[in-house]
Amino acid sequence: MVAVGEYERADGTKVKAHTRWAPGARNEMFKAVLFVLAVFAIGDGATTAATTSKSSSSELPKPKSTVVYPIRFQEQDTKPASRPTPTVSYPIPWDRSQ
């Protein structure tokens, strides 16, 4: 917005201080407001069945945890970890030019 100070025209008319929009700014603001309203209108239409039912989300049952900590695996307790063995019996040539 442009702020215009108080001034007097050439014909002697006094003009009070006021603000005015820049050229094209009202059109751009109108488009922005329409876009925001469209986003809100579209956003409200995507409700789920849980939110449209008479019960609120705070009344819905919450799942209970079935995890027991610390987590232990049966293989871990019964046998030690084995060492990996090579899967090929021939040497692999590596490029050593770098």
PDB file of N, CA and C in Angstrom:
ATOM      1  N   MET A   1       0.836  -1.174   0.000  1.00  0.00           N
ATOM      2  CA  MET A   1       0.000   0.000   0.000  1.00  0.00           C
ATOM      3  C   MET A   1       0.881   1.237   0.000  1.00  0.00           C
ATOM      4  N   VAL A   2       0.423   2.187  -0.726  1.00  0.00           N
ATOM      5  CA  VAL A   2       1.138   3.446  -0.826  1.00  0.00           C
ATOM      6  C   VAL A   2       0.450   4.441   0.095  1.00  0.00           C
ATOM      7  N   ALA A   3       1.215   5.105   0.954  1.00  0.00           N
ATOM      8  CA  ALA A   3       0.670   6.132   1.832  1.00  0.00           C
ATOM      9  C   ALA A   3       0.841   7.488   1.152  1.00  0.00           C
ATOM     10  N   VAL A   4      -0.279   8.182   0.973  1.00  0.00           N
ATOM     11  CA  VAL A   4      -0.265   9.494   0.333  1.00  0.00           C
ATOM     12  C   VAL A   4      -0.496  10.537   1.419  1.00  0.00           C
ATOM     13  N   GLY A   5       0.414  11.470   1.513  1.00  0.00           N
ATOM     14  CA  GLY A   5       0.277  12.529   2.516  1.00  0.00           C
ATOM     15  C   GLY A   5      -0.744  13.575   2.088  1.00  0.00           C
ATOM     16  N   GLU A   6      -1.094  14.457   3.030  1.00  0.00           N
ATOM     17  CA  GLU A   6      -2.038  15.523   2.737  1.00  0.00           C
ATOM     18  C   GLU A   6      -1.402  16.507   1.754  1.00  0.00           C
ATOM     19  N   TYR A   7      -2.178  16.921   0.740  1.00  0.00           N
ATOM     20  CA  TYR A   7      -1.644  17.865  -0.240  1.00  0.00           C
ATOM     21  C   TYR A   7      -2.776  18.703  -0.828  1.00  0.00           C
ATOM     22  N   GLU A   8      -2.383  19.701  -1.607  1.00  0.00           N
ATOM     23  CA  GLU A   8      -3.364  20.580  -2.246  1.00  0.00           C
ATOM     24  C   GLU A   8      -3.182  20.489  -3.755  1.00  0.00           C
ATOM     25  N   ARG A   9      -4.296  20.281  -4.461  1.00  0.00           N
ATOM     26  CA  ARG A   9      -4.250  20.175  -5.919  1.00  0.00           C
ATOM     27  C   ARG A   9      -4.048  21.553  -6.537  1.00  0.00           C
ATOM     28  N   ALA A  10      -3.776  21.555  -7.833  1.00  0.00           N
ATOM     29  CA  ALA A  10      -3.514  22.810  -8.547  1.00  0.00           C
ATOM     30  C   ALA A  10      -4.736  23.726  -8.554  1.00  0.00           C
ATOM     31  N   ASP A  11      -5.949  23.118  -8.479  1.00  0.00           N
ATOM     32  CA  ASP A  11      -7.161  23.948  -8.491  1.00  0.00           C
ATOM     33  C   ASP A  11      -7.559  24.425  -7.104  1.00  0.00           C
ATOM     34  N   GLY A  12      -6.724  24.097  -6.088  1.00  0.00           N
ATOM     35  CA  GLY A  12      -6.982  24.571  -4.728  1.00  0.00           C
ATOM     36  C   GLY A  12      -7.712  23.576  -3.856  1.00  0.00           C
ATOM     37  N   THR A  13      -8.055  22.395  -4.357  1.00  0.00           N
ATOM     38  CA  THR A  13      -8.756  21.382  -3.572  1.00  0.00           C
ATOM     39  C   THR A  13      -7.769  20.724  -2.613  1.00  0.00           C
ATOM     40  N   LYS A  14      -8.155  20.669  -1.323  1.00  0.00           N
ATOM     41  CA  LYS A  14      -7.302  20.011  -0.329  1.00  0.00           C
ATOM     42  C   LYS A  14      -7.632  18.517  -0.290  1.00  0.00           C
ATOM     43  N   VAL A  15      -6.584  17.685  -0.293  1.00  0.00           N
ATOM     44  CA  VAL A  15      -6.739  16.241  -0.256  1.00  0.00           C
ATOM     45  C   VAL A  15      -6.186  15.735   1.071  1.00  0.00           C
ATOM     46  N   LYS A  16      -6.999  14.966   1.801  1.00  0.00           N
ATOM     47  CA  LYS A  16      -6.556  14.420   3.097  1.00  0.00           C
ATOM     48  C   LYS A  16      -5.537  13.304   2.876  1.00  0.00           C
ATOM     49  N   ALA A  17      -4.757  13.000   3.910  1.00  0.00           N
ATOM     50  CA  ALA A  17      -3.806  11.883   3.850  1.00  0.00           C
ATOM     51  C   ALA A  17      -4.585  10.577   3.762  1.00  0.00           C
ATOM     52  N   HIS A  18      -4.134   9.702   2.926  1.00  0.00           N
ATOM     53  CA  HIS A  18      -4.819   8.423   2.742  1.00  0.00           C
ATOM     54  C   HIS A  18      -3.822   7.392   2.220  1.00  0.00           C
ATOM     55  N   THR A  19      -4.300   6.140   2.124  1.00  0.00           N
ATOM     56  CA  THR A  19      -3.492   5.067   1.535  1.00  0.00           C
ATOM     57  C   THR A  19      -4.214   4.555   0.312  1.00  0.00           C
ATOM     58  N   ARG A  20      -3.473   4.007  -0.627  1.00  0.00           N
ATOM     59  CA  ARG A  20      -4.077   3.430  -1.818  1.00  0.00           C
ATOM     60  C   ARG A  20      -3.286   2.198  -2.227  1.00  0.00           C
ATOM     61  N   TRP A  21      -3.962   1.322  -2.937  1.00  0.00           N
ATOM     62  CA  TRP A  21      -3.347   0.092  -3.392  1.00  0.00           C
ATOM     63  C   TRP A  21      -2.495   0.375  -4.620  1.00  0.00           C
ATOM     64  N   ALA A  22      -1.467  -0.414  -4.779  1.00  0.00           N
ATOM     65  CA  ALA A  22      -0.657  -0.336  -5.987  1.00  0.00           C
ATOM     66  C   ALA A  22      -1.471  -0.868  -7.156  1.00  0.00           C
ATOM     67  N   PRO A  23      -1.162  -0.473  -8.400  1.00  0.00           N
ATOM     68  CA  PRO A  23      -1.927  -0.964  -9.549  1.00  0.00           C
ATOM     69  C   PRO A  23      -1.895  -2.494  -9.630  1.00  0.00           C
ATOM     70  N   GLY A  24      -3.079  -3.106  -9.719  1.00  0.00           N
ATOM     71  CA  GLY A  24      -3.193  -4.558  -9.827  1.00  0.00           C
ATOM     72  C   GLY A  24      -3.178  -5.287  -8.497  1.00  0.00           C
ATOM     73  N   ALA A  25      -2.948  -4.590  -7.393  1.00  0.00           N
ATOM     74  CA  ALA A  25      -2.843  -5.262  -6.096  1.00  0.00           C
ATOM     75  C   ALA A  25      -4.186  -5.789  -5.611  1.00  0.00           C
ATOM     76  N   ARG A  26      -5.266  -5.063  -5.884  1.00  0.00           N
ATOM     77  CA  ARG A  26      -6.586  -5.544  -5.451  1.00  0.00           C
ATOM     78  C   ARG A  26      -6.937  -6.843  -6.163  1.00  0.00           C
ATOM     79  N   ASN A  27      -6.638  -6.925  -7.429  1.00  0.00           N
ATOM     80  CA  ASN A  27      -6.909  -8.133  -8.198  1.00  0.00           C
ATOM     81  C   ASN A  27      -6.105  -9.307  -7.645  1.00  0.00           C
ATOM     82  N   GLU A  28      -4.847  -9.086  -7.355  1.00  0.00           N
ATOM     83  CA  GLU A  28      -4.000 -10.152  -6.810  1.00  0.00           C
ATOM     84  C   GLU A  28      -4.476 -10.577  -5.419  1.00  0.00           C
ATOM     85  N   MET A  29      -4.875  -9.626  -4.591  1.00  0.00           N
ATOM     86  CA  MET A  29      -5.372  -9.957  -3.256  1.00  0.00           C
ATOM     87  C   MET A  29      -6.667 -10.756  -3.356  1.00  0.00           C
ATOM     88  N   PHE A  30      -7.533 -10.393  -4.291  1.00  0.00           N
ATOM     89  CA  PHE A  30      -8.778 -11.124  -4.493  1.00  0.00           C
ATOM     90  C   PHE A  30      -8.499 -12.570  -4.882  1.00  0.00           C
ATOM     91  N   LYS A  31      -7.541 -12.778  -5.764  1.00  0.00           N
ATOM     92  CA  LYS A  31      -7.175 -14.139  -6.169  1.00  0.00           C
ATOM     93  C   LYS A  31      -6.604 -14.928  -4.995  1.00  0.00           C
ATOM     94  N   ALA A  32      -5.782 -14.285  -4.179  1.00  0.00           N
ATOM     95  CA  ALA A  32      -5.189 -14.973  -3.024  1.00  0.00           C
ATOM     96  C   ALA A  32      -6.266 -15.375  -2.022  1.00  0.00           C
ATOM     97  N   VAL A  33      -7.220 -14.492  -1.779  1.00  0.00           N
ATOM     98  CA  VAL A  33      -8.305 -14.797  -0.833  1.00  0.00           C
ATOM     99  C   VAL A  33      -9.166 -15.939  -1.371  1.00  0.00           C
ATOM    100  N   LEU A  34      -9.473 -15.917  -2.666  1.00  0.00           N
ATOM    101  CA  LEU A  34     -10.241 -17.018  -3.247  1.00  0.00           C
ATOM    102  C   LEU A  34      -9.509 -18.348  -3.125  1.00  0.00           C
ATOM    103  N   PHE A  35      -8.199 -18.336  -3.332  1.00  0.00           N
ATOM    104  CA  PHE A  35      -7.413 -19.559  -3.204  1.00  0.00           C
ATOM    105  C   PHE A  35      -7.465 -20.095  -1.778  1.00  0.00           C
ATOM    106  N   VAL A  36      -7.297 -19.220  -0.799  1.00  0.00           N
ATOM    107  CA  VAL A  36      -7.323 -19.652   0.608  1.00  0.00           C
ATOM    108  C   VAL A  36      -8.699 -20.213   0.966  1.00  0.00           C
ATOM    109  N   LEU A  37      -9.753 -19.544   0.520  1.00  0.00           N
ATOM    110  CA  LEU A  37     -11.100 -20.055   0.804  1.00  0.00           C
ATOM    111  C   LEU A  37     -11.338 -21.405   0.136  1.00  0.00           C
ATOM    112  N   ALA A  38     -10.820 -21.591  -1.076  1.00  0.00           N
ATOM    113  CA  ALA A  38     -10.968 -22.873  -1.763  1.00  0.00           C
ATOM    114  C   ALA A  38     -10.224 -23.972  -1.022  1.00  0.00           C
ATOM    115  N   VAL A  39      -9.046 -23.669  -0.508  1.00  0.00           N
ATOM    116  CA  VAL A  39      -8.280 -24.668   0.253  1.00  0.00           C
ATOM    117  C   VAL A  39      -9.043 -25.075   1.504  1.00  0.00           C
ATOM    118  N   PHE A  40      -9.628 -24.112   2.205  1.00  0.00           N
ATOM    119  CA  PHE A  40     -10.405 -24.454   3.396  1.00  0.00           C
ATOM    120  C   PHE A  40     -11.648 -25.259   3.032  1.00  0.00           C
ATOM    121  N   ALA A  41     -12.305 -24.912   1.946  1.00  0.00           N
ATOM    122  CA  ALA A  41     -13.513 -25.637   1.537  1.00  0.00           C
ATOM    123  C   ALA A  41     -13.181 -27.064   1.136  1.00  0.00           C
ATOM    124  N   ILE A  42     -12.107 -27.263   0.406  1.00  0.00           N
ATOM    125  CA  ILE A  42     -11.702 -28.606  -0.007  1.00  0.00           C
ATOM    126  C   ILE A  42     -11.213 -29.404   1.189  1.00  0.00           C
ATOM    127  N   GLY A  43     -10.506 -28.762   2.095  1.00  0.00           N
ATOM    128  CA  GLY A  43      -9.980 -29.442   3.278  1.00  0.00           C
ATOM    129  C   GLY A  43     -11.067 -29.952   4.186  1.00  0.00           C
ATOM    130  N   ASP A  44     -12.185 -29.228   4.288  1.00  0.00           N
ATOM    131  CA  ASP A  44     -13.279 -29.670   5.147  1.00  0.00           C
ATOM    132  C   ASP A  44     -14.039 -30.833   4.533  1.00  0.00           C
ATOM    133  N   GLY A  45     -13.989 -31.007   3.235  1.00  0.00           N
ATOM    134  CA  GLY A  45     -14.718 -32.080   2.584  1.00  0.00           C
ATOM    135  C   GLY A  45     -14.059 -33.431   2.738  1.00  0.00           C
ATOM    136  N   ALA A  46     -12.810 -33.487   3.149  1.00  0.00           N
ATOM    137  CA  ALA A  46     -12.081 -34.750   3.250  1.00  0.00           C
ATOM    138  C   ALA A  46     -12.124 -35.282   4.674  1.00  0.00           C
ATOM    139  N   THR A  47     -13.303 -35.441   5.242  1.00  0.00           N
ATOM    140  CA  THR A  47     -13.412 -35.982   6.596  1.00  0.00           C
ATOM    141  C   THR A  47     -13.527 -37.493   6.536  1.00  0.00           C
ATOM    142  N   THR A  48     -13.123 -38.144   7.604  1.00  0.00           N
ATOM    143  CA  THR A  48     -13.198 -39.596   7.669  1.00  0.00           C
ATOM    144  C   THR A  48     -14.430 -40.013   8.458  1.00  0.00           C
ATOM    145  N   ALA A  49     -14.737 -41.278   8.431  1.00  0.00           N
ATOM    146  CA  ALA A  49     -15.909 -41.788   9.139  1.00  0.00           C
ATOM    147  C   ALA A  49     -15.745 -41.634  10.647  1.00  0.00           C
ATOM    148  N   ALA A  50     -14.534 -41.708  11.141  1.00  0.00           N
ATOM    149  CA  ALA A  50     -14.313 -41.589  12.583  1.00  0.00           C
ATOM    150  C   ALA A  50     -14.623 -40.182  13.069  1.00  0.00           C
ATOM    151  N   THR A  51     -14.342 -39.170  12.263  1.00  0.00           N
ATOM    152  CA  THR A  51     -14.602 -37.807  12.704  1.00  0.00           C
ATOM    153  C   THR A  51     -16.045 -37.394  12.485  1.00  0.00           C
ATOM    154  N   THR A  52     -16.759 -38.063  11.581  1.00  0.00           N
ATOM    155  CA  THR A  52     -18.145 -37.697  11.337  1.00  0.00           C
ATOM    156  C   THR A  52     -19.109 -38.443  12.253  1.00  0.00           C
ATOM    157  N   SER A  53     -18.635 -39.464  12.966  1.00  0.00           N
ATOM    158  CA  SER A  53     -19.516 -40.176  13.879  1.00  0.00           C
ATOM    159  C   SER A  53     -19.781 -39.320  15.110  1.00  0.00           C
ATOM    160  N   LYS A  54     -20.749 -39.739  15.903  1.00  0.00           N
ATOM    161  CA  LYS A  54     -21.132 -38.934  17.053  1.00  0.00           C
ATOM    162  C   LYS A  54     -20.104 -38.977  18.176  1.00  0.00           C
ATOM    163  N   SER A  55     -19.250 -39.980  18.218  1.00  0.00           N
ATOM    164  CA  SER A  55     -18.237 -40.036  19.263  1.00  0.00           C
ATOM    165  C   SER A  55     -17.022 -39.236  18.831  1.00  0.00           C
ATOM    166  N   SER A  56     -16.435 -38.554  19.778  1.00  0.00           N
ATOM    167  CA  SER A  56     -15.254 -37.756  19.449  1.00  0.00           C
ATOM    168  C   SER A  56     -14.015 -38.632  19.480  1.00  0.00           C
ATOM    169  N   SER A  57     -12.926 -38.110  18.946  1.00  0.00           N
ATOM    170  CA  SER A  57     -11.704 -38.901  18.857  1.00  0.00           C
ATOM    171  C   SER A  57     -11.118 -39.191  20.241  1.00  0.00           C
ATOM    172  N   SER A  58     -11.437 -38.385  21.261  1.00  0.00           N
ATOM    173  CA  SER A  58     -10.907 -38.647  22.599  1.00  0.00           C
ATOM    174  C   SER A  58     -11.604 -39.834  23.255  1.00  0.00           C
ATOM    175  N   GLU A  59     -12.774 -40.222  22.757  1.00  0.00           N
ATOM    176  CA  GLU A  59     -13.510 -41.350  23.328  1.00  0.00           C
ATOM    177  C   GLU A  59     -13.173 -42.670  22.655  1.00  0.00           C
ATOM    178  N   LEU A  60     -12.407 -42.638  21.580  1.00  0.00           N
ATOM    179  CA  LEU A  60     -12.067 -43.871  20.883  1.00  0.00           C
ATOM    180  C   LEU A  60     -11.097 -44.697  21.720  1.00  0.00           C
ATOM    181  N   PRO A  61     -11.194 -46.028  21.678  1.00  0.00           N
ATOM    182  CA  PRO A  61     -10.276 -46.856  22.459  1.00  0.00           C
ATOM    183  C   PRO A  61      -8.860 -46.759  21.917  1.00  0.00           C
ATOM    184  N   LYS A  62      -7.903 -46.753  22.818  1.00  0.00           N
ATOM    185  CA  LYS A  62      -6.500 -46.681  22.417  1.00  0.00           C
ATOM    186  C   LYS A  62      -5.892 -48.071  22.490  1.00  0.00           C
ATOM    187  N   PRO A  63      -5.058 -48.434  21.512  1.00  0.00           N
ATOM    188  CA  PRO A  63      -4.448 -49.762  21.535  1.00  0.00           C
ATOM    189  C   PRO A  63      -3.450 -49.875  22.688  1.00  0.00           C
ATOM    190  N   LYS A  64      -3.372 -51.076  23.260  1.00  0.00           N
ATOM    191  CA  LYS A  64      -2.437 -51.313  24.360  1.00  0.00           C
ATOM    192  C   LYS A  64      -1.177 -51.963  23.811  1.00  0.00           C
ATOM    193  N   SER A  65      -0.057 -51.640  24.403  1.00  0.00           N
ATOM    194  CA  SER A  65       1.217 -52.187  23.961  1.00  0.00           C
ATOM    195  C   SER A  65       1.364 -53.622  24.459  1.00  0.00           C
ATOM    196  N   THR A  66       1.851 -54.517  23.589  1.00  0.00           N
ATOM    197  CA  THR A  66       2.081 -55.909  23.971  1.00  0.00           C
ATOM    198  C   THR A  66       3.560 -56.229  24.046  1.00  0.00           C
ATOM    199  N   VAL A  67       4.409 -55.229  23.976  1.00  0.00           N
ATOM    200  CA  VAL A  67       5.855 -55.431  23.959  1.00  0.00           C
ATOM    201  C   VAL A  67       6.367 -55.586  25.383  1.00  0.00           C
ATOM    202  N   VAL A  68       7.272 -56.540  25.562  1.00  0.00           N
ATOM    203  CA  VAL A  68       7.910 -56.753  26.864  1.00  0.00           C
ATOM    204  C   VAL A  68       9.386 -56.413  26.693  1.00  0.00           C
ATOM    205  N   TYR A  69       9.865 -55.463  27.457  1.00  0.00           N
ATOM    206  CA  TYR A  69      11.267 -55.053  27.383  1.00  0.00           C
ATOM    207  C   TYR A  69      12.051 -55.671  28.512  1.00  0.00           C
ATOM    208  N   PRO A  70      13.304 -56.021  28.370  1.00  0.00           N
ATOM    209  CA  PRO A  70      14.126 -55.961  27.171  1.00  0.00           C
ATOM    210  C   PRO A  70      13.761 -57.091  26.221  1.00  0.00           C
ATOM    211  N   ILE A  71      13.905 -56.832  24.951  1.00  0.00           N
ATOM    212  CA  ILE A  71      13.567 -57.814  23.919  1.00  0.00           C
ATOM    213  C   ILE A  71      14.713 -58.813  23.810  1.00  0.00           C
ATOM    214  N   ARG A  72      14.379 -60.103  23.879  1.00  0.00           N
ATOM    215  CA  ARG A  72      15.384 -61.153  23.765  1.00  0.00           C
ATOM    216  C   ARG A  72      14.917 -62.148  22.705  1.00  0.00           C
ATOM    217  N   PHE A  73      15.858 -62.574  21.867  1.00  0.00           N
ATOM    218  CA  PHE A  73      15.561 -63.542  20.831  1.00  0.00           C
ATOM    219  C   PHE A  73      16.058 -64.911  21.281  1.00  0.00           C
ATOM    220  N   GLN A  74      15.351 -65.981  20.933  1.00  0.00           N
ATOM    221  CA  GLN A  74      15.716 -67.318  21.378  1.00  0.00           C
ATOM    222  C   GLN A  74      17.071 -67.731  20.828  1.00  0.00           C
ATOM    223  N   GLU A  75      17.363 -67.431  19.573  1.00  0.00           N
ATOM    224  CA  GLU A  75      18.651 -67.806  18.996  1.00  0.00           C
ATOM    225  C   GLU A  75      19.806 -67.116  19.724  1.00  0.00           C
ATOM    226  N   GLN A  76      19.571 -65.939  20.184  1.00  0.00           N
ATOM    227  CA  GLN A  76      20.613 -65.178  20.862  1.00  0.00           C
ATOM    228  C   GLN A  76      21.006 -65.848  22.179  1.00  0.00           C
ATOM    229  N   ASP A  77      20.056 -66.411  22.864  1.00  0.00           N
ATOM    230  CA  ASP A  77      20.330 -67.020  24.157  1.00  0.00           C
ATOM    231  C   ASP A  77      20.915 -68.428  24.035  1.00  0.00           C
ATOM    232  N   THR A  78      20.591 -69.168  22.974  1.00  0.00           N
ATOM    233  CA  THR A  78      20.983 -70.572  22.909  1.00  0.00           C
ATOM    234  C   THR A  78      22.325 -70.810  22.235  1.00  0.00           C
ATOM    235  N   LYS A  79      22.693 -70.052  21.211  1.00  0.00           N
ATOM    236  CA  LYS A  79      23.952 -70.329  20.525  1.00  0.00           C
ATOM    237  C   LYS A  79      24.707 -69.024  20.262  1.00  0.00           C
ATOM    238  N   PRO A  80      26.031 -69.093  20.256  1.00  0.00           N
ATOM    239  CA  PRO A  80      26.791 -67.886  19.965  1.00  0.00           C
ATOM    240  C   PRO A  80      26.714 -67.549  18.475  1.00  0.00           C
ATOM    241  N   ALA A  81      27.036 -66.332  18.143  1.00  0.00           N
ATOM    242  CA  ALA A  81      26.990 -65.903  16.750  1.00  0.00           C
ATOM    243  C   ALA A  81      28.080 -66.605  15.957  1.00  0.00           C
ATOM    244  N   SER A  82      27.744 -67.082  14.765  1.00  0.00           N
ATOM    245  CA  SER A  82      28.720 -67.778  13.940  1.00  0.00           C
ATOM    246  C   SER A  82      29.464 -66.771  13.074  1.00  0.00           C
ATOM    247  N   ARG A  83      30.692 -67.122  12.698  1.00  0.00           N
ATOM    248  CA  ARG A  83      31.485 -66.253  11.838  1.00  0.00           C
ATOM    249  C   ARG A  83      31.077 -66.477  10.400  1.00  0.00           C
ATOM    250  N   PRO A  84      31.020 -65.431   9.604  1.00  0.00           N
ATOM    251  CA  PRO A  84      30.661 -65.624   8.198  1.00  0.00           C
ATOM    252  C   PRO A  84      31.765 -66.348   7.448  1.00  0.00           C
ATOM    253  N   THR A  85      31.388 -67.173   6.511  1.00  0.00           N
ATOM    254  CA  THR A  85      32.357 -67.903   5.702  1.00  0.00           C
ATOM    255  C   THR A  85      32.319 -67.370   4.279  1.00  0.00           C
ATOM    256  N   PRO A  86      33.455 -67.387   3.566  1.00  0.00           N
ATOM    257  CA  PRO A  86      33.450 -66.889   2.191  1.00  0.00           C
ATOM    258  C   PRO A  86      32.574 -67.768   1.303  1.00  0.00           C
ATOM    259  N   THR A  87      31.960 -67.170   0.317  1.00  0.00           N
ATOM    260  CA  THR A  87      31.072 -67.918  -0.572  1.00  0.00           C
ATOM    261  C   THR A  87      31.770 -68.320  -1.866  1.00  0.00           C
ATOM    262  N   VAL A  88      32.988 -67.816  -2.116  1.00  0.00           N
ATOM    263  CA  VAL A  88      33.736 -68.204  -3.318  1.00  0.00           C
ATOM    264  C   VAL A  88      35.077 -68.770  -2.890  1.00  0.00           C
ATOM    265  N   SER A  89      35.606 -69.688  -3.697  1.00  0.00           N
ATOM    266  CA  SER A  89      36.883 -70.307  -3.348  1.00  0.00           C
ATOM    267  C   SER A  89      38.044 -69.775  -4.186  1.00  0.00           C
ATOM    268  N   TYR A  90      37.807 -68.792  -5.032  1.00  0.00           N
ATOM    269  CA  TYR A  90      38.875 -68.238  -5.863  1.00  0.00           C
ATOM    270  C   TYR A  90      39.122 -66.788  -5.431  1.00  0.00           C
ATOM    271  N   PRO A  91      40.316 -66.294  -5.645  1.00  0.00           N
ATOM    272  CA  PRO A  91      40.588 -64.910  -5.253  1.00  0.00           C
ATOM    273  C   PRO A  91      39.876 -63.926  -6.194  1.00  0.00           C
ATOM    274  N   ILE A  92      39.405 -62.836  -5.630  1.00  0.00           N
ATOM    275  CA  ILE A  92      38.736 -61.813  -6.417  1.00  0.00           C
ATOM    276  C   ILE A  92      39.759 -60.719  -6.717  1.00  0.00           C
ATOM    277  N   PRO A  93      40.063 -60.459  -8.005  1.00  0.00           N
ATOM    278  CA  PRO A  93      41.031 -59.412  -8.326  1.00  0.00           C
ATOM    279  C   PRO A  93      40.409 -58.025  -8.135  1.00  0.00           C
ATOM    280  N   TRP A  94      41.064 -57.180  -7.354  1.00  0.00           N
ATOM    281  CA  TRP A  94      40.608 -55.836  -7.111  1.00  0.00           C
ATOM    282  C   TRP A  94      41.371 -54.879  -8.008  1.00  0.00           C
ATOM    283  N   ASP A  95      40.690 -53.899  -8.495  1.00  0.00           N
ATOM    284  CA  ASP A  95      41.318 -52.875  -9.331  1.00  0.00           C
ATOM    285  C   ASP A  95      42.150 -51.961  -8.426  1.00  0.00           C
ATOM    286  N   ARG A  96      43.463 -52.013  -8.550  1.00  0.00           N
ATOM    287  CA  ARG A  96      44.325 -51.228  -7.672  1.00  0.00           C
ATOM    288  C   ARG A  96      44.895 -49.995  -8.381  1.00  0.00           C
ATOM    289  N   SER A  97      44.308 -49.594  -9.512  1.00  0.00           N
ATOM    290  CA  SER A  97      44.826 -48.453 -10.249  1.00  0.00           C
ATOM    291  C   SER A  97      44.461 -47.138  -9.587  1.00  0.00           C
ATOM    292  N   GLN A  98      43.556 -47.128  -8.687  1.00  0.00           N
ATOM    293  CA  GLN A  98      43.131 -45.871  -8.074  1.00  0.00           C
ATOM    294  C   GLN A  98      43.931 -45.510  -6.866  1.00  0.00           C
TER     295      GLN A  98
END
